[in-house]
Amino acid sequence: SMRVEGADPATFEVIEMAHTMDKNHVYYFTRILEGADPETYEVMGIYSKDKSHVWCFDDLIEGADVETFEVDKDDFYDAHDKNGKFHNGKRVEH
């Protein structure tokens, strides 16, 4: 088992596998995802997002469009937004 230092025990919950949260933070394993909003955070396979950000595992994906970001149905390593495609968390050319 792992210990998540500083987590609020009363509101701590497992979202999915390595993703947990409390009223104050979202955690990936034991690391706080800086800027993640617990109220809007959702896990989408290897990707996750909240109202303002998109991550692949615990890496913030700069420039991803949160509103249109979707994981592809055929391969959970692939995703897209209105500006193009991602593979394994990196933007790729068509």
N, C-alpha and C. Protein backbone atom coordinates (compact mmCIF):
# COMPACT_ATOMS: atom_id res chain seq x y z
N SER A 1 0.83 -1.19 0.00
CA SER A 1 0.00 0.00 0.00
C SER A 1 0.87 1.25 0.00
N MET A 2 0.30 2.36 -0.44
CA MET A 2 1.02 3.63 -0.49
C MET A 2 0.36 4.62 0.45
N ARG A 3 1.17 5.51 0.95
CA ARG A 3 0.66 6.57 1.81
C ARG A 3 0.67 7.87 1.03
N VAL A 4 -0.46 8.56 1.00
CA VAL A 4 -0.58 9.83 0.32
C VAL A 4 -0.47 10.92 1.38
N GLU A 5 0.73 11.48 1.50
CA GLU A 5 0.99 12.50 2.52
C GLU A 5 0.10 13.73 2.33
N GLY A 6 -0.49 14.19 3.41
CA GLY A 6 -1.27 15.42 3.39
C GLY A 6 -2.69 15.28 2.90
N ALA A 7 -3.10 14.09 2.50
CA ALA A 7 -4.47 13.88 2.02
C ALA A 7 -5.46 14.02 3.17
N ASP A 8 -6.66 14.47 2.85
CA ASP A 8 -7.72 14.60 3.84
C ASP A 8 -8.44 13.26 3.96
N PRO A 9 -8.25 12.52 5.05
CA PRO A 9 -8.83 11.18 5.18
C PRO A 9 -10.36 11.15 5.06
N ALA A 10 -11.01 12.18 5.52
CA ALA A 10 -12.47 12.19 5.52
C ALA A 10 -13.06 12.24 4.11
N THR A 11 -12.34 12.86 3.17
CA THR A 11 -12.89 13.00 1.82
C THR A 11 -12.08 12.23 0.77
N PHE A 12 -11.08 11.47 1.20
CA PHE A 12 -10.22 10.74 0.28
C PHE A 12 -10.97 9.60 -0.39
N GLU A 13 -10.81 9.48 -1.73
CA GLU A 13 -11.44 8.38 -2.46
C GLU A 13 -10.61 7.99 -3.67
N VAL A 14 -10.74 6.74 -4.05
CA VAL A 14 -10.09 6.23 -5.26
C VAL A 14 -11.01 6.52 -6.43
N ILE A 15 -10.47 7.17 -7.46
CA ILE A 15 -11.25 7.42 -8.66
C ILE A 15 -11.14 6.21 -9.57
N GLU A 16 -9.91 5.87 -9.93
CA GLU A 16 -9.65 4.71 -10.78
C GLU A 16 -8.17 4.40 -10.71
N MET A 17 -7.84 3.18 -10.44
CA MET A 17 -6.46 2.69 -10.35
C MET A 17 -5.56 3.68 -9.60
N ALA A 18 -4.65 4.34 -10.30
CA ALA A 18 -3.66 5.22 -9.67
C ALA A 18 -4.20 6.60 -9.35
N HIS A 19 -5.42 6.90 -9.72
CA HIS A 19 -6.00 8.23 -9.54
C HIS A 19 -6.86 8.25 -8.28
N THR A 20 -6.51 9.17 -7.38
CA THR A 20 -7.28 9.35 -6.16
C THR A 20 -7.51 10.85 -5.96
N MET A 21 -8.38 11.19 -5.02
CA MET A 21 -8.61 12.60 -4.75
C MET A 21 -9.18 12.78 -3.35
N ASP A 22 -9.08 14.00 -2.90
CA ASP A 22 -9.79 14.42 -1.70
C ASP A 22 -10.41 15.77 -2.03
N LYS A 23 -10.95 16.45 -1.04
CA LYS A 23 -11.63 17.72 -1.31
C LYS A 23 -10.69 18.81 -1.83
N ASN A 24 -9.38 18.63 -1.61
CA ASN A 24 -8.42 19.66 -1.98
C ASN A 24 -7.60 19.38 -3.23
N HIS A 25 -7.31 18.11 -3.51
CA HIS A 25 -6.37 17.77 -4.58
C HIS A 25 -6.78 16.50 -5.31
N VAL A 26 -6.20 16.36 -6.51
CA VAL A 26 -6.22 15.10 -7.24
C VAL A 26 -4.80 14.56 -7.20
N TYR A 27 -4.67 13.25 -7.02
CA TYR A 27 -3.36 12.61 -6.91
C TYR A 27 -3.21 11.55 -7.99
N TYR A 28 -2.00 11.44 -8.51
CA TYR A 28 -1.64 10.32 -9.38
C TYR A 28 -0.62 9.53 -8.59
N PHE A 29 -0.96 8.33 -8.21
CA PHE A 29 -0.23 7.58 -7.19
C PHE A 29 -0.15 8.47 -5.95
N THR A 30 1.01 8.93 -5.53
CA THR A 30 1.09 9.77 -4.33
C THR A 30 1.42 11.22 -4.65
N ARG A 31 1.48 11.56 -5.93
CA ARG A 31 1.86 12.91 -6.36
C ARG A 31 0.63 13.75 -6.64
N ILE A 32 0.62 14.98 -6.13
CA ILE A 32 -0.47 15.92 -6.41
C ILE A 32 -0.37 16.35 -7.86
N LEU A 33 -1.49 16.29 -8.58
CA LEU A 33 -1.56 16.86 -9.93
C LEU A 33 -1.84 18.35 -9.75
N GLU A 34 -0.81 19.14 -9.89
CA GLU A 34 -0.93 20.58 -9.66
C GLU A 34 -1.99 21.19 -10.56
N GLY A 35 -2.88 21.95 -9.97
CA GLY A 35 -3.91 22.65 -10.71
C GLY A 35 -5.13 21.82 -11.05
N ALA A 36 -5.13 20.53 -10.73
CA ALA A 36 -6.28 19.68 -11.04
C ALA A 36 -7.46 20.03 -10.13
N ASP A 37 -8.63 20.09 -10.71
CA ASP A 37 -9.85 20.43 -9.99
C ASP A 37 -10.60 19.15 -9.62
N PRO A 38 -10.66 18.79 -8.32
CA PRO A 38 -11.34 17.56 -7.92
C PRO A 38 -12.80 17.49 -8.35
N GLU A 39 -13.46 18.62 -8.45
CA GLU A 39 -14.89 18.64 -8.81
C GLU A 39 -15.15 18.21 -10.24
N THR A 40 -14.22 18.52 -11.17
CA THR A 40 -14.46 18.24 -12.58
C THR A 40 -13.51 17.20 -13.17
N TYR A 41 -12.66 16.61 -12.36
CA TYR A 41 -11.65 15.67 -12.83
C TYR A 41 -12.28 14.36 -13.27
N GLU A 42 -11.87 13.86 -14.44
CA GLU A 42 -12.33 12.55 -14.91
C GLU A 42 -11.19 11.79 -15.57
N VAL A 43 -11.19 10.48 -15.39
CA VAL A 43 -10.17 9.61 -15.96
C VAL A 43 -10.71 9.02 -17.25
N MET A 44 -9.86 9.03 -18.28
CA MET A 44 -10.23 8.53 -19.60
C MET A 44 -9.12 7.60 -20.09
N GLY A 45 -8.96 6.45 -19.47
CA GLY A 45 -7.87 5.54 -19.83
C GLY A 45 -6.54 6.08 -19.33
N ILE A 46 -5.56 6.23 -20.24
CA ILE A 46 -4.26 6.79 -19.84
C ILE A 46 -4.32 8.31 -19.75
N TYR A 47 -5.42 8.88 -20.22
CA TYR A 47 -5.62 10.33 -20.19
C TYR A 47 -6.58 10.68 -19.07
N SER A 48 -6.53 11.93 -18.65
CA SER A 48 -7.50 12.46 -17.71
C SER A 48 -7.64 13.94 -18.00
N LYS A 49 -8.74 14.52 -17.52
CA LYS A 49 -8.94 15.96 -17.74
C LYS A 49 -9.83 16.52 -16.65
N ASP A 50 -9.73 17.84 -16.52
CA ASP A 50 -10.66 18.57 -15.67
C ASP A 50 -11.16 19.75 -16.50
N LYS A 51 -11.75 20.74 -15.88
CA LYS A 51 -12.33 21.86 -16.63
C LYS A 51 -11.29 22.71 -17.36
N SER A 52 -10.00 22.59 -16.99
CA SER A 52 -8.98 23.46 -17.57
C SER A 52 -7.76 22.75 -18.15
N HIS A 53 -7.56 21.47 -17.86
CA HIS A 53 -6.32 20.79 -18.22
C HIS A 53 -6.57 19.38 -18.74
N VAL A 54 -5.56 18.87 -19.49
CA VAL A 54 -5.56 17.47 -19.91
C VAL A 54 -4.20 16.88 -19.54
N TRP A 55 -4.20 15.64 -19.04
CA TRP A 55 -2.97 14.93 -18.67
C TRP A 55 -2.91 13.59 -19.39
N CYS A 56 -1.69 13.11 -19.59
CA CYS A 56 -1.45 11.72 -19.96
C CYS A 56 -0.67 11.14 -18.79
N PHE A 57 -1.23 10.16 -18.12
CA PHE A 57 -0.71 9.70 -16.84
C PHE A 57 -0.63 10.91 -15.91
N ASP A 58 0.57 11.37 -15.52
CA ASP A 58 0.65 12.57 -14.68
C ASP A 58 1.35 13.72 -15.40
N ASP A 59 1.49 13.61 -16.73
CA ASP A 59 2.12 14.69 -17.51
C ASP A 59 1.06 15.60 -18.10
N LEU A 60 1.15 16.88 -17.79
CA LEU A 60 0.23 17.87 -18.34
C LEU A 60 0.47 17.97 -19.84
N ILE A 61 -0.59 17.93 -20.63
CA ILE A 61 -0.49 18.09 -22.09
C ILE A 61 -0.75 19.55 -22.41
N GLU A 62 0.31 20.27 -22.69
CA GLU A 62 0.20 21.70 -23.01
C GLU A 62 -0.54 21.86 -24.35
N GLY A 63 -1.45 22.80 -24.40
CA GLY A 63 -2.12 23.15 -25.65
C GLY A 63 -3.28 22.25 -26.03
N ALA A 64 -3.61 21.26 -25.21
CA ALA A 64 -4.77 20.42 -25.53
C ALA A 64 -6.05 21.23 -25.30
N ASP A 65 -7.01 21.09 -26.20
CA ASP A 65 -8.29 21.78 -26.06
C ASP A 65 -9.22 20.91 -25.21
N VAL A 66 -9.46 21.33 -23.98
CA VAL A 66 -10.23 20.54 -23.02
C VAL A 66 -11.64 20.27 -23.53
N GLU A 67 -12.26 21.26 -24.12
CA GLU A 67 -13.66 21.12 -24.56
C GLU A 67 -13.84 20.02 -25.60
N THR A 68 -12.87 19.85 -26.51
CA THR A 68 -13.03 18.90 -27.61
C THR A 68 -12.16 17.66 -27.47
N PHE A 69 -11.42 17.53 -26.37
CA PHE A 69 -10.51 16.40 -26.18
C PHE A 69 -11.29 15.11 -25.97
N GLU A 70 -10.97 14.09 -26.77
CA GLU A 70 -11.60 12.78 -26.64
C GLU A 70 -10.57 11.69 -26.90
N VAL A 71 -10.72 10.58 -26.20
CA VAL A 71 -9.88 9.41 -26.44
C VAL A 71 -10.52 8.62 -27.57
N ASP A 72 -9.69 8.15 -28.50
CA ASP A 72 -10.19 7.36 -29.62
C ASP A 72 -10.70 6.01 -29.14
N LYS A 73 -11.74 5.54 -29.74
CA LYS A 73 -12.38 4.28 -29.34
C LYS A 73 -11.50 3.06 -29.67
N ASP A 74 -10.73 3.13 -30.77
CA ASP A 74 -9.96 1.98 -31.24
C ASP A 74 -8.68 1.72 -30.47
N ASP A 75 -8.08 2.77 -29.91
CA ASP A 75 -6.78 2.63 -29.25
C ASP A 75 -6.68 3.66 -28.14
N PHE A 76 -6.62 3.20 -26.88
CA PHE A 76 -6.63 4.14 -25.76
C PHE A 76 -5.37 4.99 -25.65
N TYR A 77 -4.33 4.69 -26.45
CA TYR A 77 -3.13 5.55 -26.50
C TYR A 77 -3.36 6.76 -27.40
N ASP A 78 -4.39 6.70 -28.23
CA ASP A 78 -4.67 7.76 -29.19
C ASP A 78 -5.84 8.61 -28.72
N ALA A 79 -5.73 9.90 -28.98
CA ALA A 79 -6.78 10.85 -28.64
C ALA A 79 -6.75 11.97 -29.67
N HIS A 80 -7.74 12.85 -29.59
CA HIS A 80 -7.77 13.98 -30.51
C HIS A 80 -8.54 15.15 -29.88
N ASP A 81 -8.25 16.33 -30.40
CA ASP A 81 -9.04 17.51 -30.08
C ASP A 81 -9.28 18.23 -31.40
N LYS A 82 -9.89 19.41 -31.35
CA LYS A 82 -10.22 20.12 -32.59
C LYS A 82 -8.97 20.51 -33.39
N ASN A 83 -7.81 20.49 -32.76
CA ASN A 83 -6.58 20.90 -33.43
C ASN A 83 -5.74 19.74 -33.95
N GLY A 84 -6.14 18.51 -33.69
CA GLY A 84 -5.37 17.38 -34.21
C GLY A 84 -5.34 16.18 -33.28
N LYS A 85 -4.36 15.32 -33.53
CA LYS A 85 -4.27 14.03 -32.85
C LYS A 85 -3.15 13.99 -31.81
N PHE A 86 -3.30 13.05 -30.87
CA PHE A 86 -2.30 12.76 -29.86
C PHE A 86 -2.04 11.27 -29.86
N HIS A 87 -0.81 10.89 -29.62
CA HIS A 87 -0.47 9.48 -29.39
C HIS A 87 0.41 9.43 -28.15
N ASN A 88 -0.02 8.65 -27.18
CA ASN A 88 0.73 8.49 -25.93
C ASN A 88 1.03 9.84 -25.28
N GLY A 89 0.11 10.77 -25.38
CA GLY A 89 0.24 12.07 -24.72
C GLY A 89 0.98 13.13 -25.49
N LYS A 90 1.44 12.81 -26.69
CA LYS A 90 2.18 13.79 -27.51
C LYS A 90 1.37 14.12 -28.76
N ARG A 91 1.36 15.39 -29.14
CA ARG A 91 0.66 15.78 -30.36
C ARG A 91 1.42 15.23 -31.55
N VAL A 92 0.70 14.64 -32.48
CA VAL A 92 1.33 14.05 -33.68
C VAL A 92 0.70 14.63 -34.94
N GLU A 93 1.47 14.55 -36.02
CA GLU A 93 0.93 14.95 -37.33
C GLU A 93 0.01 13.86 -37.82
N HIS A 94 -0.84 14.19 -38.73
CA HIS A 94 -1.84 13.25 -39.27
C HIS A 94 -1.19 12.01 -39.79
